[in-house]
Structure formats: structure tokens, C-alpha cells
Amino acid sequence: MVRDSELRYLRRCVELATEALDAGDEPFGSVLVAGDGTVLAEDRNRVADGDRTRHPEFELARWSAAHLTPEERAAATVYTSGEHCPMCAAAHAWVGLGRIVYIVSSVQLSALLAELGVPAPPVRTLPVRDIAPDVAVEGPVQELVDEVRQLHRRHRTGSSDGA
């Protein structure tokens, strides 16, 4: 269960997703937090330059492999605005990161994008548990779902009111 004290990390994910959107990118943001609550690293989506692998969750997995011991990785939590895609879920599991907490599920996001007429991605959208069954996963976090949905709506339509 997501504790109230963890909402600050998720709110930071929304801020990072907003930064990504304001920079002309897709609105995703993620924060890597140590077992003691220390923020270790954070990133936002950077795929607008054409490299579709520049997801924040993937970058945090790579950062953790370079900077943390296996024990530190296992104790860490990745907070993120959207559930990991299959690429990011695999990277997360391969480097041995701990828990994932996401705001919007892949099912919720897929439904919104379909509603907005966005073509399906080239890779099937799957829940993290289907890719990395041993990773502890929590989400969606309903308190922030509408904020993230509005960022994606704004990215795709230029409007946050559904128009």
C-alpha cells in the first residue's frame, strides 16, 4: 500500500512529467528513492530527439546499475508517473531494483491514448507483473491519476479540457 508520506515522490514525478511536456517531450517522470527515503536520482522523458529508449525508468535502471550495490538497488523504490513499459520493466528487473509505484497504469494510459486517436505503439503494452513477476508493484495511485491524464491530453491535443 502506498503511504501518504510517499505522495511527495509521486508529486515530483508529476513535476518532472510537466517539465518533459514543457520541453516538447512526452509527459513522463520518475524518481529513484533509497530504502531510507533519500532521493537518489530522477529523470524525465527525453524521446523527442528520436531515441525512443530515453524513458526515465530505463535511465534510472542504468544509473542504479552504475552507482548502487545490489543490496541498495533491491531496497530502492522507483516512483513514476506511468507504469513501466516492457522495456523499462525488463531493465528494472535485470538490474535488481526493488519496488515500483506508479500513478497511471498502462491500461489506463492506453485507453486514454486510444480515446484521443493516438496509434498503438510498436511494442505491446503489458503490465509490469507480466514482464517482471518478482518485482513488487503498486498502483495506480488514484489521488494523482487525473493530473497525469491531463498532461497526456495536453501533449496530444494542446488542451487540458478534453477539447
C-alpha atoms as a PDB file:
ATOM      1  CA  MET A   1       0.000   0.000   0.000  1.00  0.00           C
ATOM      2  CA  VAL A   2       1.222   3.478  -0.883  1.00  0.00           C
ATOM      3  CA  ARG A   3       1.723   5.552   2.253  1.00  0.00           C
ATOM      4  CA  ASP A   4       0.795   9.238   2.464  1.00  0.00           C
ATOM      5  CA  SER A   5       4.476  10.024   3.088  1.00  0.00           C
ATOM      6  CA  GLU A   6       5.260   8.633  -0.398  1.00  0.00           C
ATOM      7  CA  LEU A   7       2.959  11.050  -2.222  1.00  0.00           C
ATOM      8  CA  ARG A   8       5.724  13.684  -2.270  1.00  0.00           C
ATOM      9  CA  TYR A   9       7.804  11.436  -4.535  1.00  0.00           C
ATOM     10  CA  LEU A  10       4.838  10.884  -6.820  1.00  0.00           C
ATOM     11  CA  ARG A  11       4.111  14.610  -6.933  1.00  0.00           C
ATOM     12  CA  ARG A  12       7.723  15.119  -8.005  1.00  0.00           C
ATOM     13  CA  CYS A  13       7.084  12.619 -10.805  1.00  0.00           C
ATOM     14  CA  VAL A  14       4.196  14.818 -11.971  1.00  0.00           C
ATOM     15  CA  GLU A  15       6.501  17.861 -11.855  1.00  0.00           C
ATOM     16  CA  LEU A  16       9.099  16.018 -13.945  1.00  0.00           C
ATOM     17  CA  ALA A  17       6.410  14.911 -16.405  1.00  0.00           C
ATOM     18  CA  THR A  18       5.318  18.543 -16.680  1.00  0.00           C
ATOM     19  CA  GLU A  19       8.942  19.573 -17.320  1.00  0.00           C
ATOM     20  CA  ALA A  20       9.130  16.977 -20.085  1.00  0.00           C
ATOM     21  CA  LEU A  21       5.931  18.275 -21.649  1.00  0.00           C
ATOM     22  CA  ASP A  22       7.102  21.879 -21.406  1.00  0.00           C
ATOM     23  CA  ALA A  23      10.330  20.824 -23.182  1.00  0.00           C
ATOM     24  CA  GLY A  24       8.305  19.342 -26.058  1.00  0.00           C
ATOM     25  CA  ASP A  25       8.505  15.746 -24.888  1.00  0.00           C
ATOM     26  CA  GLU A  26       6.053  13.098 -23.757  1.00  0.00           C
ATOM     27  CA  PRO A  27       4.952  13.690 -20.138  1.00  0.00           C
ATOM     28  CA  PHE A  28       6.665  11.038 -18.025  1.00  0.00           C
ATOM     29  CA  GLY A  29       8.789  11.492 -14.924  1.00  0.00           C
ATOM     30  CA  SER A  30      10.392   9.135 -12.412  1.00  0.00           C
ATOM     31  CA  VAL A  31      12.233   9.305  -9.100  1.00  0.00           C
ATOM     32  CA  LEU A  32      14.578   6.689  -7.584  1.00  0.00           C
ATOM     33  CA  VAL A  33      14.430   6.614  -3.787  1.00  0.00           C
ATOM     34  CA  ALA A  34      16.710   4.694  -1.411  1.00  0.00           C
ATOM     35  CA  GLY A  35      15.352   2.425   1.275  1.00  0.00           C
ATOM     36  CA  ASP A  36      15.900   5.214   3.834  1.00  0.00           C
ATOM     37  CA  GLY A  37      13.826   7.719   1.803  1.00  0.00           C
ATOM     38  CA  THR A  38      16.741   9.605   0.241  1.00  0.00           C
ATOM     39  CA  VAL A  39      16.129  10.697  -3.344  1.00  0.00           C
ATOM     40  CA  LEU A  40      18.991   9.185  -5.316  1.00  0.00           C
ATOM     41  CA  ALA A  41      18.199  10.226  -8.886  1.00  0.00           C
ATOM     42  CA  GLU A  42      15.374  11.488 -11.038  1.00  0.00           C
ATOM     43  CA  ASP A  43      14.679  11.936 -14.710  1.00  0.00           C
ATOM     44  CA  ARG A  44      12.035  12.807 -17.256  1.00  0.00           C
ATOM     45  CA  ASN A  45      11.204  11.519 -20.702  1.00  0.00           C
ATOM     46  CA  ARG A  46      13.680  12.541 -23.412  1.00  0.00           C
ATOM     47  CA  VAL A  47      12.384  10.772 -26.534  1.00  0.00           C
ATOM     48  CA  ALA A  48      11.628  13.883 -28.597  1.00  0.00           C
ATOM     49  CA  ASP A  49      15.101  13.767 -30.169  1.00  0.00           C
ATOM     50  CA  GLY A  50      14.180  10.480 -31.876  1.00  0.00           C
ATOM     51  CA  ASP A  51      15.722   7.988 -29.439  1.00  0.00           C
ATOM     52  CA  ARG A  52      12.590   6.204 -28.222  1.00  0.00           C
ATOM     53  CA  THR A  53      14.557   4.374 -25.499  1.00  0.00           C
ATOM     54  CA  ARG A  54      15.142   7.547 -23.445  1.00  0.00           C
ATOM     55  CA  HIS A  55      12.457   6.717 -20.870  1.00  0.00           C
ATOM     56  CA  PRO A  56      13.159   7.924 -17.315  1.00  0.00           C
ATOM     57  CA  GLU A  57      12.616   4.458 -15.808  1.00  0.00           C
ATOM     58  CA  PHE A  58      15.234   2.970 -18.160  1.00  0.00           C
ATOM     59  CA  GLU A  59      17.682   5.773 -17.357  1.00  0.00           C
ATOM     60  CA  LEU A  60      17.191   5.228 -13.613  1.00  0.00           C
ATOM     61  CA  ALA A  61      17.807   1.487 -14.002  1.00  0.00           C
ATOM     62  CA  ARG A  62      21.069   2.226 -15.828  1.00  0.00           C
ATOM     63  CA  TRP A  63      22.058   4.839 -13.233  1.00  0.00           C
ATOM     64  CA  SER A  64      21.393   2.423 -10.380  1.00  0.00           C
ATOM     65  CA  ALA A  65      23.497  -0.313 -12.005  1.00  0.00           C
ATOM     66  CA  ALA A  66      26.427   2.111 -12.206  1.00  0.00           C
ATOM     67  CA  HIS A  67      26.093   3.710  -8.768  1.00  0.00           C
ATOM     68  CA  LEU A  68      24.442   1.308  -6.311  1.00  0.00           C
ATOM     69  CA  THR A  69      25.302  -2.044  -4.820  1.00  0.00           C
ATOM     70  CA  PRO A  70      22.919  -4.943  -5.473  1.00  0.00           C
ATOM     71  CA  GLU A  71      21.619  -4.565  -1.907  1.00  0.00           C
ATOM     72  CA  GLU A  72      20.979  -0.834  -2.349  1.00  0.00           C
ATOM     73  CA  ARG A  73      19.165  -1.472  -5.633  1.00  0.00           C
ATOM     74  CA  ALA A  74      16.954  -4.133  -4.045  1.00  0.00           C
ATOM     75  CA  ALA A  75      15.994  -1.732  -1.221  1.00  0.00           C
ATOM     76  CA  ALA A  76      15.186   1.154  -3.582  1.00  0.00           C
ATOM     77  CA  THR A  77      11.815   2.197  -4.971  1.00  0.00           C
ATOM     78  CA  VAL A  78      11.116   3.716  -8.372  1.00  0.00           C
ATOM     79  CA  TYR A  79       8.211   6.160  -8.273  1.00  0.00           C
ATOM     80  CA  THR A  80       6.863   7.035 -11.692  1.00  0.00           C
ATOM     81  CA  SER A  81       4.049   8.903 -13.393  1.00  0.00           C
ATOM     82  CA  GLY A  82       3.150   5.930 -15.590  1.00  0.00           C
ATOM     83  CA  GLU A  83       3.516   2.188 -15.255  1.00  0.00           C
ATOM     84  CA  HIS A  84       6.743   0.922 -16.805  1.00  0.00           C
ATOM     85  CA  CYS A  85       6.634  -0.184 -20.431  1.00  0.00           C
ATOM     86  CA  PRO A  86       8.008  -3.675 -21.206  1.00  0.00           C
ATOM     87  CA  MET A  87      11.491  -2.277 -21.976  1.00  0.00           C
ATOM     88  CA  CYS A  88      11.673  -0.393 -18.684  1.00  0.00           C
ATOM     89  CA  ALA A  89      10.162  -3.243 -16.653  1.00  0.00           C
ATOM     90  CA  ALA A  90      12.802  -5.605 -18.038  1.00  0.00           C
ATOM     91  CA  ALA A  91      15.630  -3.146 -17.281  1.00  0.00           C
ATOM     92  CA  HIS A  92      14.261  -2.678 -13.748  1.00  0.00           C
ATOM     93  CA  ALA A  93      14.242  -6.435 -13.135  1.00  0.00           C
ATOM     94  CA  TRP A  94      17.602  -7.099 -14.796  1.00  0.00           C
ATOM     95  CA  VAL A  95      19.435  -4.613 -12.546  1.00  0.00           C
ATOM     96  CA  GLY A  96      17.620  -5.865  -9.451  1.00  0.00           C
ATOM     97  CA  LEU A  97      15.741  -2.755  -8.416  1.00  0.00           C
ATOM     98  CA  GLY A  98      13.090  -3.073  -5.728  1.00  0.00           C
ATOM     99  CA  ARG A  99       9.535  -1.838  -5.683  1.00  0.00           C
ATOM    100  CA  ILE A 100       7.735   0.184  -8.375  1.00  0.00           C
ATOM    101  CA  VAL A 101       4.993   2.673  -7.512  1.00  0.00           C
ATOM    102  CA  TYR A 102       3.160   4.231 -10.460  1.00  0.00           C
ATOM    103  CA  ILE A 103       0.379   6.776 -10.802  1.00  0.00           C
ATOM    104  CA  VAL A 104      -1.315   5.745 -14.070  1.00  0.00           C
ATOM    105  CA  SER A 105      -1.476   2.128 -15.223  1.00  0.00           C
ATOM    106  CA  SER A 106      -0.583   1.053 -18.731  1.00  0.00           C
ATOM    107  CA  VAL A 107      -4.220   0.024 -19.203  1.00  0.00           C
ATOM    108  CA  GLN A 108      -5.454   3.484 -18.161  1.00  0.00           C
ATOM    109  CA  LEU A 109      -2.939   5.256 -20.377  1.00  0.00           C
ATOM    110  CA  SER A 110      -3.657   3.014 -23.373  1.00  0.00           C
ATOM    111  CA  ALA A 111      -7.373   3.714 -23.024  1.00  0.00           C
ATOM    112  CA  LEU A 112      -6.789   7.475 -22.897  1.00  0.00           C
ATOM    113  CA  LEU A 113      -4.481   7.451 -25.914  1.00  0.00           C
ATOM    114  CA  ALA A 114      -6.952   5.336 -27.894  1.00  0.00           C
ATOM    115  CA  GLU A 115      -9.715   7.781 -26.952  1.00  0.00           C
ATOM    116  CA  LEU A 116      -7.521  10.589 -28.309  1.00  0.00           C
ATOM    117  CA  GLY A 117      -6.932   8.696 -31.565  1.00  0.00           C
ATOM    118  CA  VAL A 118      -3.240   8.004 -30.939  1.00  0.00           C
ATOM    119  CA  PRO A 119      -1.997   4.970 -32.901  1.00  0.00           C
ATOM    120  CA  ALA A 120      -0.916   1.933 -30.899  1.00  0.00           C
ATOM    121  CA  PRO A 121       2.802   1.799 -30.074  1.00  0.00           C
ATOM    122  CA  PRO A 122       5.099  -0.628 -31.930  1.00  0.00           C
ATOM    123  CA  VAL A 123       5.547  -2.685 -28.731  1.00  0.00           C
ATOM    124  CA  ARG A 124       2.619  -4.319 -26.947  1.00  0.00           C
ATOM    125  CA  THR A 125       1.650  -2.630 -23.703  1.00  0.00           C
ATOM    126  CA  LEU A 126       1.851  -5.124 -20.847  1.00  0.00           C
ATOM    127  CA  PRO A 127       1.588  -4.782 -17.069  1.00  0.00           C
ATOM    128  CA  VAL A 128       4.918  -4.839 -15.217  1.00  0.00           C
ATOM    129  CA  ARG A 129       3.916  -8.080 -13.479  1.00  0.00           C
ATOM    130  CA  ASP A 130       3.759  -9.816 -16.877  1.00  0.00           C
ATOM    131  CA  ILE A 131       7.372  -8.826 -17.613  1.00  0.00           C
ATOM    132  CA  ALA A 132       8.919  -8.884 -14.135  1.00  0.00           C
ATOM    133  CA  PRO A 133       6.742 -11.121 -11.929  1.00  0.00           C
ATOM    134  CA  ASP A 134       9.013 -10.911  -8.879  1.00  0.00           C
ATOM    135  CA  VAL A 135       9.036  -7.113  -8.657  1.00  0.00           C
ATOM    136  CA  ALA A 136       6.701  -5.573  -6.064  1.00  0.00           C
ATOM    137  CA  VAL A 137       4.365  -3.208  -7.918  1.00  0.00           C
ATOM    138  CA  GLU A 138       1.793  -0.757  -6.590  1.00  0.00           C
ATOM    139  CA  GLY A 139      -0.566   1.469  -8.499  1.00  0.00           C
ATOM    140  CA  PRO A 140      -2.473   3.179  -9.830  1.00  0.00           C
ATOM    141  CA  VAL A 141      -2.417   5.983  -7.259  1.00  0.00           C
ATOM    142  CA  GLN A 142      -5.873   7.474  -7.733  1.00  0.00           C
ATOM    143  CA  GLU A 143      -5.094  10.776  -5.986  1.00  0.00           C
ATOM    144  CA  LEU A 144      -2.913  11.839  -8.917  1.00  0.00           C
ATOM    145  CA  VAL A 145      -4.377   9.980 -11.911  1.00  0.00           C
ATOM    146  CA  ASP A 146      -6.348  12.974 -13.207  1.00  0.00           C
ATOM    147  CA  GLU A 147      -3.263  15.224 -13.170  1.00  0.00           C
ATOM    148  CA  VAL A 148      -1.268  12.758 -15.249  1.00  0.00           C
ATOM    149  CA  ARG A 149      -4.180  12.157 -17.630  1.00  0.00           C
ATOM    150  CA  GLN A 150      -4.429  15.925 -18.194  1.00  0.00           C
ATOM    151  CA  LEU A 151      -0.725  16.115 -19.050  1.00  0.00           C
ATOM    152  CA  HIS A 152      -1.143  13.395 -21.675  1.00  0.00           C
ATOM    153  CA  ARG A 153      -4.285  15.054 -23.025  1.00  0.00           C
ATOM    154  CA  ARG A 154      -2.396  18.356 -23.264  1.00  0.00           C
ATOM    155  CA  HIS A 155       0.503  16.649 -25.040  1.00  0.00           C
ATOM    156  CA  ARG A 156      -1.765  15.082 -27.651  1.00  0.00           C
ATOM    157  CA  THR A 157      -4.342  17.819 -28.138  1.00  0.00           C
ATOM    158  CA  GLY A 158      -2.739  21.002 -26.839  1.00  0.00           C
ATOM    159  CA  SER A 159      -5.659  21.278 -24.430  1.00  0.00           C
ATOM    160  CA  SER A 160      -6.268  20.014 -20.911  1.00  0.00           C
ATOM    161  CA  ASP A 161     -10.048  20.390 -21.011  1.00  0.00           C
ATOM    162  CA  GLY A 162     -10.741  17.393 -23.202  1.00  0.00           C
ATOM    163  CA  ALA A 163     -11.437  19.502 -26.289  1.00  0.00           C
END
